[in-house]
Amino acid sequence: MTRIAFFDTKPYDKVWFDQLSGDHTVQITYFESKLNERTAALAKGYEVVCAFVNDTITKAVIDELYDGGVRLLAMRCAGYNNIDFKAAFAKIHIVRVPAYSPYAVAEHAMALLLSVVRQTHHSYVRTREFNFSLNGLVGFDLHGKTIGVVGTGKIGKVFIDICKGFGMKVLAYDPYPDPNLSVTYCTFEELCRQSDIISLHCPLTEQTFHLINRTSIALMKDQVVLINTSRGALVESQALLDGIKSKKIGAAALDVYEEEAEVFYEDRSTTILDDDVLMLLISMPNVLVTSHQAFLTKEALHNIAQTTLGSIDSFVSGQVMEHEICYQCDTCKKVIGQRCF
């Protein structure tokens, strides 16, 4: 029986892992606390740790886990920029869930776009107070508008298909363009200049950190709409706030935020947030913020649990883990049939 220490547990996590774990020889202990330097000691005696995107997995955490017997870190998410990979190499194997449901994230991105453009979130609040005025709720048609999609992986492709269904003209930027994708590729700078709407669907790397900044915002059309359902640090938050205040940015819809780790997924309704930028963004009438929920569908949660448990089975049985990653994976050529180390 493989013992798993499961961190940052939410009720929707337990539903699917409990439902599917019966088909695997595992015993899961659920911890509500996030994985960080204060809580890593809880994993002592466990062979596997299951963590999430907002856990803080530094060198100190890796060393604590390794000394306590952990040999596999199973990330139940696609992102992994919160892990010190160099510290983990040759000690702890790392797996992730690269594609739980591209439809879930792409559809949420479109839901955000429709809401922020057509003011449906404001309409909902108004009518609950029996205010049926339409003043201030004027939107615009998506049909015929140019949307710039940054990143044409699985999620980006699904989002592009959705946009085409709305009759939008699609521009795309990706350092590794897909020659089989029926879309007009261009430089990132050209995408900024031509797009009425920009939607981010790329990973967070050294190259994409603060991709949306003062310089790129200055290139954009006046009243551009920005959608981010990928990673918070793709957008420089202060630059975004300044762009909204100056009316350069017409609207923004964010499912992620670069300093979200201690805020998102938690109930902060009775506390005062320390993050002034986030508070100001949320207060803006043309900004819509959701708390990193783009992945949250039944299908995605099922796939996350199934893929994670499958990776753990492969690890325990000594097999190659299909979704293993390490700090060398960006530069090395994996040998089929071998683990990262």
C-alpha atoms as a PDB file:
ATOM      1  CA  MET A   1       0.000   0.000   0.000  1.00  0.00           C
ATOM      2  CA  THR A   2       1.528   3.288  -1.130  1.00  0.00           C
ATOM      3  CA  ARG A   3       1.075   6.116   1.380  1.00  0.00           C
ATOM      4  CA  ILE A   4       0.324   9.525  -0.125  1.00  0.00           C
ATOM      5  CA  ALA A   5       0.465  12.863   1.704  1.00  0.00           C
ATOM      6  CA  PHE A   6      -2.068  15.100  -0.049  1.00  0.00           C
ATOM      7  CA  PHE A   7      -1.630  18.854   0.552  1.00  0.00           C
ATOM      8  CA  ASP A   8      -3.891  21.872   0.030  1.00  0.00           C
ATOM      9  CA  THR A   9      -6.968  19.639   0.030  1.00  0.00           C
ATOM     10  CA  LYS A  10     -10.330  21.009  -1.016  1.00  0.00           C
ATOM     11  CA  PRO A  11     -13.673  19.143  -0.903  1.00  0.00           C
ATOM     12  CA  TYR A  12     -13.792  18.811  -4.697  1.00  0.00           C
ATOM     13  CA  ASP A  13     -10.343  17.141  -4.627  1.00  0.00           C
ATOM     14  CA  LYS A  14     -11.456  14.486  -2.151  1.00  0.00           C
ATOM     15  CA  VAL A  15     -14.561  13.587  -4.120  1.00  0.00           C
ATOM     16  CA  TRP A  16     -12.653  12.394  -7.153  1.00  0.00           C
ATOM     17  CA  PHE A  17      -9.540  10.993  -5.491  1.00  0.00           C
ATOM     18  CA  ASP A  18     -11.686   9.009  -3.037  1.00  0.00           C
ATOM     19  CA  GLN A  19     -13.884   7.776  -5.865  1.00  0.00           C
ATOM     20  CA  LEU A  20     -10.977   6.589  -8.019  1.00  0.00           C
ATOM     21  CA  SER A  21      -8.446   5.499  -5.395  1.00  0.00           C
ATOM     22  CA  GLY A  22     -10.296   2.236  -4.829  1.00  0.00           C
ATOM     23  CA  ASP A  23      -8.847   0.992  -8.111  1.00  0.00           C
ATOM     24  CA  HIS A  24      -5.291   1.643  -6.870  1.00  0.00           C
ATOM     25  CA  THR A  25      -3.248   0.278  -3.974  1.00  0.00           C
ATOM     26  CA  VAL A  26      -2.886   3.640  -2.244  1.00  0.00           C
ATOM     27  CA  GLN A  27      -3.696   5.169   1.128  1.00  0.00           C
ATOM     28  CA  ILE A  28      -4.240   8.923   1.029  1.00  0.00           C
ATOM     29  CA  THR A  29      -3.886  11.227   4.026  1.00  0.00           C
ATOM     30  CA  TYR A  30      -5.449  14.602   3.297  1.00  0.00           C
ATOM     31  CA  PHE A  31      -3.952  17.793   4.730  1.00  0.00           C
ATOM     32  CA  GLU A  32      -5.804  21.078   4.335  1.00  0.00           C
ATOM     33  CA  SER A  33      -2.632  23.125   4.717  1.00  0.00           C
ATOM     34  CA  LYS A  34      -0.518  24.121   1.740  1.00  0.00           C
ATOM     35  CA  LEU A  35       2.855  22.476   1.228  1.00  0.00           C
ATOM     36  CA  ASN A  36       5.619  24.848   2.272  1.00  0.00           C
ATOM     37  CA  GLU A  37       8.606  25.057   4.608  1.00  0.00           C
ATOM     38  CA  ARG A  38       6.348  25.051   7.674  1.00  0.00           C
ATOM     39  CA  THR A  39       4.314  21.992   6.694  1.00  0.00           C
ATOM     40  CA  ALA A  40       6.772  19.763   4.798  1.00  0.00           C
ATOM     41  CA  ALA A  41       7.489  17.795   7.986  1.00  0.00           C
ATOM     42  CA  LEU A  42       3.932  16.410   7.832  1.00  0.00           C
ATOM     43  CA  ALA A  43       5.034  14.235   4.901  1.00  0.00           C
ATOM     44  CA  LYS A  44       7.604  12.307   6.935  1.00  0.00           C
ATOM     45  CA  GLY A  45       7.113   8.580   6.404  1.00  0.00           C
ATOM     46  CA  TYR A  46       5.220   8.998   3.129  1.00  0.00           C
ATOM     47  CA  GLU A  47       6.663   7.858  -0.194  1.00  0.00           C
ATOM     48  CA  VAL A  48       4.542  10.174  -2.323  1.00  0.00           C
ATOM     49  CA  VAL A  49       3.424  13.775  -1.914  1.00  0.00           C
ATOM     50  CA  CYS A  50       0.566  15.199  -3.976  1.00  0.00           C
ATOM     51  CA  ALA A  51       0.727  18.993  -4.289  1.00  0.00           C
ATOM     52  CA  PHE A  52      -0.946  21.831  -6.158  1.00  0.00           C
ATOM     53  CA  VAL A  53      -0.089  24.924  -8.151  1.00  0.00           C
ATOM     54  CA  ASN A  54       0.026  27.394  -5.238  1.00  0.00           C
ATOM     55  CA  ASP A  55       2.136  25.262  -2.906  1.00  0.00           C
ATOM     56  CA  THR A  56       5.652  26.580  -2.263  1.00  0.00           C
ATOM     57  CA  ILE A  57       8.163  23.861  -3.089  1.00  0.00           C
ATOM     58  CA  THR A  58      11.571  25.392  -2.428  1.00  0.00           C
ATOM     59  CA  LYS A  59      14.937  23.685  -1.933  1.00  0.00           C
ATOM     60  CA  ALA A  60      14.278  23.592   1.805  1.00  0.00           C
ATOM     61  CA  VAL A  61      10.949  21.839   1.193  1.00  0.00           C
ATOM     62  CA  ILE A  62      12.537  19.371  -1.236  1.00  0.00           C
ATOM     63  CA  ASP A  63      15.283  18.531   1.269  1.00  0.00           C
ATOM     64  CA  GLU A  64      12.742  18.054   4.059  1.00  0.00           C
ATOM     65  CA  LEU A  65      10.598  15.780   1.892  1.00  0.00           C
ATOM     66  CA  TYR A  66      13.593  13.733   0.742  1.00  0.00           C
ATOM     67  CA  ASP A  67      14.946  13.293   4.271  1.00  0.00           C
ATOM     68  CA  GLY A  68      11.480  12.156   5.332  1.00  0.00           C
ATOM     69  CA  GLY A  69      11.359   9.416   2.699  1.00  0.00           C
ATOM     70  CA  VAL A  70       9.423  11.084  -0.137  1.00  0.00           C
ATOM     71  CA  ARG A  71      10.566   9.925  -3.560  1.00  0.00           C
ATOM     72  CA  LEU A  72       7.747  11.173  -5.814  1.00  0.00           C
ATOM     73  CA  LEU A  73       6.134  14.601  -6.035  1.00  0.00           C
ATOM     74  CA  ALA A  74       2.854  14.289  -7.941  1.00  0.00           C
ATOM     75  CA  MET A  75       1.550  17.681  -9.038  1.00  0.00           C
ATOM     76  CA  ARG A  76      -2.196  17.517  -9.698  1.00  0.00           C
ATOM     77  CA  CYS A  77      -1.972  20.438 -12.112  1.00  0.00           C
ATOM     78  CA  ALA A  78      -0.232  21.455 -15.310  1.00  0.00           C
ATOM     79  CA  GLY A  79       1.880  24.278 -13.875  1.00  0.00           C
ATOM     80  CA  TYR A  80       5.173  23.684 -12.124  1.00  0.00           C
ATOM     81  CA  ASN A  81       6.895  27.066 -11.827  1.00  0.00           C
ATOM     82  CA  ASN A  82       6.544  26.799  -8.030  1.00  0.00           C
ATOM     83  CA  ILE A  83       9.081  23.938  -7.794  1.00  0.00           C
ATOM     84  CA  ASP A  84      12.860  24.096  -7.329  1.00  0.00           C
ATOM     85  CA  PHE A  85      13.657  21.460  -9.949  1.00  0.00           C
ATOM     86  CA  LYS A  86      17.416  21.585  -9.496  1.00  0.00           C
ATOM     87  CA  ALA A  87      17.048  20.759  -5.817  1.00  0.00           C
ATOM     88  CA  ALA A  88      14.780  17.823  -6.683  1.00  0.00           C
ATOM     89  CA  PHE A  89      16.931  16.330  -9.457  1.00  0.00           C
ATOM     90  CA  ALA A  90      18.361  12.877  -8.623  1.00  0.00           C
ATOM     91  CA  LYS A  91      16.361  12.912  -5.376  1.00  0.00           C
ATOM     92  CA  ILE A  92      12.641  13.208  -5.988  1.00  0.00           C
ATOM     93  CA  HIS A  93      10.859  12.392  -9.246  1.00  0.00           C
ATOM     94  CA  ILE A  94       8.212  14.889 -10.339  1.00  0.00           C
ATOM     95  CA  VAL A  95       5.099  14.252 -12.406  1.00  0.00           C
ATOM     96  CA  ARG A  96       2.287  16.551 -13.446  1.00  0.00           C
ATOM     97  CA  VAL A  97      -1.052  16.535 -15.290  1.00  0.00           C
ATOM     98  CA  PRO A  98      -0.322  18.330 -18.570  1.00  0.00           C
ATOM     99  CA  ALA A  99      -3.778  18.091 -20.153  1.00  0.00           C
ATOM    100  CA  TYR A 100      -6.694  17.533 -17.803  1.00  0.00           C
ATOM    101  CA  SER A 101      -9.247  19.324 -19.983  1.00  0.00           C
ATOM    102  CA  PRO A 102      -8.316  22.006 -22.487  1.00  0.00           C
ATOM    103  CA  TYR A 103     -12.045  22.585 -22.974  1.00  0.00           C
ATOM    104  CA  ALA A 104     -12.535  23.581 -19.329  1.00  0.00           C
ATOM    105  CA  VAL A 105      -9.944  26.363 -19.466  1.00  0.00           C
ATOM    106  CA  ALA A 106     -10.764  27.554 -22.982  1.00  0.00           C
ATOM    107  CA  GLU A 107     -14.487  27.715 -22.250  1.00  0.00           C
ATOM    108  CA  HIS A 108     -13.852  29.653 -19.033  1.00  0.00           C
ATOM    109  CA  ALA A 109     -11.717  32.128 -20.971  1.00  0.00           C
ATOM    110  CA  MET A 110     -14.615  32.714 -23.360  1.00  0.00           C
ATOM    111  CA  ALA A 111     -17.049  32.985 -20.433  1.00  0.00           C
ATOM    112  CA  LEU A 112     -14.839  35.690 -18.914  1.00  0.00           C
ATOM    113  CA  LEU A 113     -14.613  37.504 -22.225  1.00  0.00           C
ATOM    114  CA  LEU A 114     -18.375  37.468 -22.760  1.00  0.00           C
ATOM    115  CA  SER A 115     -19.046  38.558 -19.186  1.00  0.00           C
ATOM    116  CA  VAL A 116     -16.631  41.472 -19.136  1.00  0.00           C
ATOM    117  CA  VAL A 117     -17.667  42.675 -22.611  1.00  0.00           C
ATOM    118  CA  ARG A 118     -21.436  42.336 -22.114  1.00  0.00           C
ATOM    119  CA  GLN A 119     -21.426  43.377 -18.428  1.00  0.00           C
ATOM    120  CA  THR A 120     -23.354  40.270 -17.330  1.00  0.00           C
ATOM    121  CA  HIS A 121     -21.646  40.240 -13.923  1.00  0.00           C
ATOM    122  CA  HIS A 122     -22.917  43.773 -13.274  1.00  0.00           C
ATOM    123  CA  SER A 123     -26.387  42.905 -14.592  1.00  0.00           C
ATOM    124  CA  TYR A 124     -26.607  39.970 -12.186  1.00  0.00           C
ATOM    125  CA  VAL A 125     -25.843  42.172  -9.183  1.00  0.00           C
ATOM    126  CA  ARG A 126     -28.263  44.881 -10.330  1.00  0.00           C
ATOM    127  CA  THR A 127     -31.264  42.641 -10.882  1.00  0.00           C
ATOM    128  CA  ARG A 128     -30.806  40.971  -7.477  1.00  0.00           C
ATOM    129  CA  GLU A 129     -31.333  44.478  -6.075  1.00  0.00           C
ATOM    130  CA  PHE A 130     -34.327  44.989  -8.435  1.00  0.00           C
ATOM    131  CA  ASN A 131     -32.392  47.532 -10.472  1.00  0.00           C
ATOM    132  CA  PHE A 132     -33.386  46.886 -14.084  1.00  0.00           C
ATOM    133  CA  SER A 133     -31.681  49.910 -15.636  1.00  0.00           C
ATOM    134  CA  LEU A 134     -29.493  49.284 -18.681  1.00  0.00           C
ATOM    135  CA  ASN A 135     -27.408  52.435 -18.227  1.00  0.00           C
ATOM    136  CA  GLY A 136     -23.690  51.695 -18.280  1.00  0.00           C
ATOM    137  CA  LEU A 137     -24.111  48.178 -19.643  1.00  0.00           C
ATOM    138  CA  VAL A 138     -23.341  48.804 -23.320  1.00  0.00           C
ATOM    139  CA  GLY A 139     -20.996  46.164 -24.743  1.00  0.00           C
ATOM    140  CA  PHE A 140     -19.760  45.295 -28.228  1.00  0.00           C
ATOM    141  CA  ASP A 141     -20.097  42.451 -30.715  1.00  0.00           C
ATOM    142  CA  LEU A 142     -17.333  39.864 -30.771  1.00  0.00           C
ATOM    143  CA  HIS A 143     -18.177  39.081 -34.386  1.00  0.00           C
ATOM    144  CA  GLY A 144     -15.653  40.697 -36.701  1.00  0.00           C
ATOM    145  CA  LYS A 145     -13.227  41.656 -33.941  1.00  0.00           C
ATOM    146  CA  THR A 146      -9.562  40.640 -34.007  1.00  0.00           C
ATOM    147  CA  ILE A 147      -8.446  38.456 -31.120  1.00  0.00           C
ATOM    148  CA  GLY A 148      -4.793  37.760 -30.430  1.00  0.00           C
ATOM    149  CA  VAL A 149      -4.123  34.341 -28.891  1.00  0.00           C
ATOM    150  CA  VAL A 150      -0.757  33.970 -27.169  1.00  0.00           C
ATOM    151  CA  GLY A 151       0.130  30.271 -27.073  1.00  0.00           C
ATOM    152  CA  THR A 152      -1.282  27.655 -29.433  1.00  0.00           C
ATOM    153  CA  GLY A 153      -0.984  24.491 -27.372  1.00  0.00           C
ATOM    154  CA  LYS A 154      -3.995  22.317 -26.594  1.00  0.00           C
ATOM    155  CA  ILE A 155      -5.888  25.012 -24.698  1.00  0.00           C
ATOM    156  CA  GLY A 156      -4.995  27.720 -27.196  1.00  0.00           C
ATOM    157  CA  LYS A 157      -6.221  25.573 -30.096  1.00  0.00           C
ATOM    158  CA  VAL A 158      -9.580  24.926 -28.426  1.00  0.00           C
ATOM    159  CA  PHE A 159      -9.952  28.622 -27.638  1.00  0.00           C
ATOM    160  CA  ILE A 160      -9.166  29.512 -31.253  1.00  0.00           C
ATOM    161  CA  ASP A 161     -11.915  27.169 -32.454  1.00  0.00           C
ATOM    162  CA  ILE A 162     -14.376  28.828 -30.092  1.00  0.00           C
ATOM    163  CA  CYS A 163     -13.377  32.287 -31.316  1.00  0.00           C
ATOM    164  CA  LYS A 164     -13.800  31.240 -34.929  1.00  0.00           C
ATOM    165  CA  GLY A 165     -17.307  30.097 -34.059  1.00  0.00           C
ATOM    166  CA  PHE A 166     -18.058  33.660 -32.968  1.00  0.00           C
ATOM    167  CA  GLY A 167     -16.855  34.968 -36.328  1.00  0.00           C
ATOM    168  CA  MET A 168     -13.704  36.550 -34.958  1.00  0.00           C
ATOM    169  CA  LYS A 169     -10.476  37.115 -36.853  1.00  0.00           C
ATOM    170  CA  VAL A 170      -7.700  35.240 -35.045  1.00  0.00           C
ATOM    171  CA  LEU A 171      -4.043  36.190 -34.806  1.00  0.00           C
ATOM    172  CA  ALA A 172      -1.648  33.922 -32.929  1.00  0.00           C
ATOM    173  CA  TYR A 173       1.806  34.106 -31.423  1.00  0.00           C
ATOM    174  CA  ASP A 174       3.830  31.084 -30.361  1.00  0.00           C
ATOM    175  CA  PRO A 175       7.619  30.611 -30.499  1.00  0.00           C
ATOM    176  CA  TYR A 176       6.859  27.121 -31.813  1.00  0.00           C
ATOM    177  CA  PRO A 177       4.050  27.631 -34.342  1.00  0.00           C
ATOM    178  CA  ASP A 178       1.979  24.659 -35.432  1.00  0.00           C
ATOM    179  CA  PRO A 179       2.199  24.393 -39.242  1.00  0.00           C
ATOM    180  CA  ASN A 180      -1.015  22.350 -39.312  1.00  0.00           C
ATOM    181  CA  LEU A 181      -3.066  24.966 -37.477  1.00  0.00           C
ATOM    182  CA  SER A 182      -5.287  27.118 -39.666  1.00  0.00           C
ATOM    183  CA  VAL A 183      -4.461  30.449 -38.092  1.00  0.00           C
ATOM    184  CA  THR A 184      -2.463  33.574 -38.926  1.00  0.00           C
ATOM    185  CA  TYR A 185       0.774  33.637 -36.925  1.00  0.00           C
ATOM    186  CA  CYS A 186       2.603  36.879 -36.306  1.00  0.00           C
ATOM    187  CA  THR A 187       5.141  38.392 -33.923  1.00  0.00           C
ATOM    188  CA  PHE A 188       4.048  39.213 -30.394  1.00  0.00           C
ATOM    189  CA  GLU A 189       4.536  42.910 -31.101  1.00  0.00           C
ATOM    190  CA  GLU A 190       2.308  42.735 -34.184  1.00  0.00           C
ATOM    191  CA  LEU A 191      -0.305  40.823 -32.220  1.00  0.00           C
ATOM    192  CA  CYS A 192      -0.343  43.605 -29.627  1.00  0.00           C
ATOM    193  CA  ARG A 193      -0.753  46.270 -32.285  1.00  0.00           C
ATOM    194  CA  GLN A 194      -3.577  44.617 -34.218  1.00  0.00           C
ATOM    195  CA  SER A 195      -5.701  42.870 -31.590  1.00  0.00           C
ATOM    196  CA  ASP A 196      -8.918  44.223 -30.128  1.00  0.00           C
ATOM    197  CA  ILE A 197      -8.750  41.428 -27.542  1.00  0.00           C
ATOM    198  CA  ILE A 198      -5.716  39.494 -26.257  1.00  0.00           C
ATOM    199  CA  SER A 199      -6.008  36.127 -24.510  1.00  0.00           C
ATOM    200  CA  LEU A 200      -3.065  34.381 -22.841  1.00  0.00           C
ATOM    201  CA  HIS A 201      -2.689  30.598 -23.124  1.00  0.00           C
ATOM    202  CA  CYS A 202       1.030  30.042 -22.607  1.00  0.00           C
ATOM    203  CA  PRO A 203       3.159  28.612 -19.781  1.00  0.00           C
ATOM    204  CA  LEU A 204       5.148  30.757 -17.361  1.00  0.00           C
ATOM    205  CA  THR A 205       8.843  30.648 -18.218  1.00  0.00           C
ATOM    206  CA  GLU A 206      11.785  33.014 -17.963  1.00  0.00           C
ATOM    207  CA  GLN A 207      10.865  34.232 -21.439  1.00  0.00           C
ATOM    208  CA  THR A 208       7.172  34.813 -20.699  1.00  0.00           C
ATOM    209  CA  PHE A 209       7.529  36.342 -17.216  1.00  0.00           C
ATOM    210  CA  HIS A 210       5.754  39.734 -17.328  1.00  0.00           C
ATOM    211  CA  LEU A 211       5.085  39.302 -21.032  1.00  0.00           C
ATOM    212  CA  ILE A 212       2.358  41.881 -20.539  1.00  0.00           C
ATOM    213  CA  ASN A 213       4.214  44.909 -19.231  1.00  0.00           C
ATOM    214  CA  ARG A 214       4.353  48.666 -19.757  1.00  0.00           C
ATOM    215  CA  THR A 215       6.157  48.275 -23.073  1.00  0.00           C
ATOM    216  CA  SER A 216       3.772  45.723 -24.555  1.00  0.00           C
ATOM    217  CA  ILE A 217       0.718  47.572 -23.226  1.00  0.00           C
ATOM    218  CA  ALA A 218       1.936  50.746 -24.945  1.00  0.00           C
ATOM    219  CA  LEU A 219       1.888  48.862 -28.263  1.00  0.00           C
ATOM    220  CA  MET A 220      -1.731  47.776 -27.847  1.00  0.00           C
ATOM    221  CA  LYS A 221      -4.831  49.380 -29.285  1.00  0.00           C
ATOM    222  CA  ASP A 222      -6.678  51.838 -27.077  1.00  0.00           C
ATOM    223  CA  GLN A 223      -9.443  50.090 -25.104  1.00  0.00           C
ATOM    224  CA  VAL A 224      -7.947  46.622 -25.679  1.00  0.00           C
ATOM    225  CA  VAL A 225      -9.486  43.781 -23.665  1.00  0.00           C
ATOM    226  CA  LEU A 226      -7.083  41.430 -21.860  1.00  0.00           C
ATOM    227  CA  ILE A 227      -7.939  37.868 -20.775  1.00  0.00           C
ATOM    228  CA  ASN A 228      -5.604  35.736 -18.651  1.00  0.00           C
ATOM    229  CA  THR A 229      -6.459  32.167 -17.669  1.00  0.00           C
ATOM    230  CA  SER A 230      -2.876  30.858 -17.746  1.00  0.00           C
ATOM    231  CA  ARG A 231      -0.400  32.083 -15.109  1.00  0.00           C
ATOM    232  CA  GLY A 232      -0.587  35.259 -13.084  1.00  0.00           C
ATOM    233  CA  ALA A 233       3.015  36.325 -13.566  1.00  0.00           C
ATOM    234  CA  LEU A 234       2.537  36.567 -17.324  1.00  0.00           C
ATOM    235  CA  VAL A 235       1.085  39.977 -16.476  1.00  0.00           C
ATOM    236  CA  GLU A 236       2.884  42.718 -14.572  1.00  0.00           C
ATOM    237  CA  SER A 237       0.083  43.647 -12.183  1.00  0.00           C
ATOM    238  CA  GLN A 238       1.043  47.265 -11.531  1.00  0.00           C
ATOM    239  CA  ALA A 239       1.422  47.905 -15.264  1.00  0.00           C
ATOM    240  CA  LEU A 240      -2.024  46.380 -15.835  1.00  0.00           C
ATOM    241  CA  LEU A 241      -3.548  48.559 -13.126  1.00  0.00           C
ATOM    242  CA  ASP A 242      -1.930  51.670 -14.572  1.00  0.00           C
ATOM    243  CA  GLY A 243      -3.154  50.705 -18.049  1.00  0.00           C
ATOM    244  CA  ILE A 244      -6.712  50.413 -16.756  1.00  0.00           C
ATOM    245  CA  LYS A 245      -6.533  53.706 -14.841  1.00  0.00           C
ATOM    246  CA  SER A 246      -5.209  55.510 -17.926  1.00  0.00           C
ATOM    247  CA  LYS A 247      -8.025  53.908 -19.989  1.00  0.00           C
ATOM    248  CA  LYS A 248      -5.494  52.355 -22.366  1.00  0.00           C
ATOM    249  CA  ILE A 249      -6.932  48.972 -21.372  1.00  0.00           C
ATOM    250  CA  GLY A 250     -10.694  48.909 -21.816  1.00  0.00           C
ATOM    251  CA  ALA A 251     -11.326  45.816 -19.723  1.00  0.00           C
ATOM    252  CA  ALA A 252      -9.505  42.882 -18.145  1.00  0.00           C
ATOM    253  CA  ALA A 253     -10.704  39.453 -17.053  1.00  0.00           C
ATOM    254  CA  LEU A 254      -8.317  37.480 -14.868  1.00  0.00           C
ATOM    255  CA  ASP A 255      -8.551  33.950 -13.522  1.00  0.00           C
ATOM    256  CA  VAL A 256      -4.988  34.156 -12.218  1.00  0.00           C
ATOM    257  CA  TYR A 257      -2.879  36.755 -10.419  1.00  0.00           C
ATOM    258  CA  GLU A 258       0.866  36.826  -9.838  1.00  0.00           C
ATOM    259  CA  GLU A 259       0.609  37.097  -6.044  1.00  0.00           C
ATOM    260  CA  GLU A 260      -2.349  34.754  -5.675  1.00  0.00           C
ATOM    261  CA  ALA A 261      -0.713  32.010  -3.602  1.00  0.00           C
ATOM    262  CA  GLU A 262      -1.960  33.173  -0.191  1.00  0.00           C
ATOM    263  CA  VAL A 263      -5.307  34.490  -1.449  1.00  0.00           C
ATOM    264  CA  PHE A 264      -6.892  32.319  -4.128  1.00  0.00           C
ATOM    265  CA  TYR A 265      -8.729  29.135  -3.096  1.00  0.00           C
ATOM    266  CA  GLU A 266      -9.276  30.599   0.389  1.00  0.00           C
ATOM    267  CA  ASP A 267     -12.126  32.493   2.055  1.00  0.00           C
ATOM    268  CA  ARG A 268     -10.765  35.980   2.758  1.00  0.00           C
ATOM    269  CA  SER A 269     -14.165  37.653   3.118  1.00  0.00           C
ATOM    270  CA  THR A 270     -13.570  38.639   6.758  1.00  0.00           C
ATOM    271  CA  THR A 271     -10.014  39.887   6.343  1.00  0.00           C
ATOM    272  CA  ILE A 272      -8.379  42.940   4.821  1.00  0.00           C
ATOM    273  CA  LEU A 273      -6.106  42.015   1.930  1.00  0.00           C
ATOM    274  CA  ASP A 274      -2.515  43.197   2.186  1.00  0.00           C
ATOM    275  CA  ASP A 275      -2.218  43.379  -1.609  1.00  0.00           C
ATOM    276  CA  ASP A 276      -3.229  46.908  -2.595  1.00  0.00           C
ATOM    277  CA  VAL A 277      -2.890  46.205  -6.322  1.00  0.00           C
ATOM    278  CA  LEU A 278      -5.278  43.249  -6.197  1.00  0.00           C
ATOM    279  CA  MET A 279      -7.770  45.239  -4.122  1.00  0.00           C
ATOM    280  CA  LEU A 280      -7.694  48.085  -6.630  1.00  0.00           C
ATOM    281  CA  LEU A 281      -8.039  45.726  -9.601  1.00  0.00           C
ATOM    282  CA  ILE A 282     -11.072  44.045  -8.052  1.00  0.00           C
ATOM    283  CA  SER A 283     -12.614  47.448  -7.324  1.00  0.00           C
ATOM    284  CA  MET A 284     -12.442  48.535 -10.962  1.00  0.00           C
ATOM    285  CA  PRO A 285     -15.809  48.296 -12.772  1.00  0.00           C
ATOM    286  CA  ASN A 286     -14.165  47.017 -15.958  1.00  0.00           C
ATOM    287  CA  VAL A 287     -12.138  44.260 -14.275  1.00  0.00           C
ATOM    288  CA  LEU A 288     -13.506  40.767 -13.635  1.00  0.00           C
ATOM    289  CA  VAL A 289     -11.513  38.442 -11.364  1.00  0.00           C
ATOM    290  CA  THR A 290     -12.200  34.767 -10.688  1.00  0.00           C
ATOM    291  CA  SER A 291     -10.074  32.741  -8.299  1.00  0.00           C
ATOM    292  CA  HIS A 292      -8.180  30.331 -10.576  1.00  0.00           C
ATOM    293  CA  GLN A 293     -11.288  28.270 -11.329  1.00  0.00           C
ATOM    294  CA  ALA A 294     -10.882  27.756 -15.073  1.00  0.00           C
ATOM    295  CA  PHE A 295      -9.978  24.097 -14.506  1.00  0.00           C
ATOM    296  CA  LEU A 296     -12.948  23.432 -12.247  1.00  0.00           C
ATOM    297  CA  THR A 297     -15.236  21.087 -14.175  1.00  0.00           C
ATOM    298  CA  LYS A 298     -16.297  17.548 -13.340  1.00  0.00           C
ATOM    299  CA  GLU A 299     -14.485  16.229 -16.386  1.00  0.00           C
ATOM    300  CA  ALA A 300     -11.240  18.006 -15.535  1.00  0.00           C
ATOM    301  CA  LEU A 301     -11.296  16.937 -11.880  1.00  0.00           C
ATOM    302  CA  HIS A 302     -11.900  13.326 -12.921  1.00  0.00           C
ATOM    303  CA  ASN A 303      -9.000  13.463 -15.390  1.00  0.00           C
ATOM    304  CA  ILE A 304      -6.681  15.085 -12.841  1.00  0.00           C
ATOM    305  CA  ALA A 305      -7.329  12.336 -10.288  1.00  0.00           C
ATOM    306  CA  GLN A 306      -7.103   9.562 -12.851  1.00  0.00           C
ATOM    307  CA  THR A 307      -3.839  10.810 -14.375  1.00  0.00           C
ATOM    308  CA  THR A 308      -2.223  11.500 -10.993  1.00  0.00           C
ATOM    309  CA  LEU A 309      -3.078   8.072  -9.600  1.00  0.00           C
ATOM    310  CA  GLY A 310      -1.889   6.451 -12.827  1.00  0.00           C
ATOM    311  CA  SER A 311       1.478   8.210 -12.535  1.00  0.00           C
ATOM    312  CA  ILE A 312       1.802   7.028  -8.940  1.00  0.00           C
ATOM    313  CA  ASP A 313       1.083   3.448 -10.024  1.00  0.00           C
ATOM    314  CA  SER A 314       3.788   3.693 -12.691  1.00  0.00           C
ATOM    315  CA  PHE A 315       6.277   5.029 -10.161  1.00  0.00           C
ATOM    316  CA  VAL A 316       5.604   2.305  -7.607  1.00  0.00           C
ATOM    317  CA  SER A 317       5.822  -0.471 -10.189  1.00  0.00           C
ATOM    318  CA  GLY A 318       9.116   0.841 -11.549  1.00  0.00           C
ATOM    319  CA  GLN A 319       7.689   1.785 -14.928  1.00  0.00           C
ATOM    320  CA  VAL A 320       8.444   4.909 -16.917  1.00  0.00           C
ATOM    321  CA  MET A 321       6.192   7.805 -15.931  1.00  0.00           C
ATOM    322  CA  GLU A 322       4.727   9.389 -19.045  1.00  0.00           C
ATOM    323  CA  HIS A 323       4.285  12.794 -17.428  1.00  0.00           C
ATOM    324  CA  GLU A 324       7.604  13.035 -15.575  1.00  0.00           C
ATOM    325  CA  ILE A 325       9.455  16.352 -15.800  1.00  0.00           C
ATOM    326  CA  CYS A 326      12.780  17.680 -14.522  1.00  0.00           C
ATOM    327  CA  TYR A 327      14.861  20.836 -14.830  1.00  0.00           C
ATOM    328  CA  GLN A 328      16.666  19.408 -17.864  1.00  0.00           C
ATOM    329  CA  CYS A 329      13.513  18.627 -19.838  1.00  0.00           C
ATOM    330  CA  ASP A 330      13.638  21.920 -21.757  1.00  0.00           C
ATOM    331  CA  THR A 331      17.058  21.099 -23.181  1.00  0.00           C
ATOM    332  CA  CYS A 332      17.463  17.324 -23.140  1.00  0.00           C
ATOM    333  CA  LYS A 333      15.997  14.744 -25.445  1.00  0.00           C
ATOM    334  CA  LYS A 334      14.233  12.162 -23.338  1.00  0.00           C
ATOM    335  CA  VAL A 335      15.107   8.572 -24.073  1.00  0.00           C
ATOM    336  CA  ILE A 336      11.961   6.552 -24.648  1.00  0.00           C
ATOM    337  CA  GLY A 337      11.626   3.913 -21.985  1.00  0.00           C
ATOM    338  CA  GLN A 338      13.749   5.742 -19.395  1.00  0.00           C
ATOM    339  CA  ARG A 339      12.990   7.999 -16.447  1.00  0.00           C
ATOM    340  CA  CYS A 340      14.549  11.431 -16.050  1.00  0.00           C
ATOM    341  CA  PHE A 341      17.129   9.930 -13.666  1.00  0.00           C
END
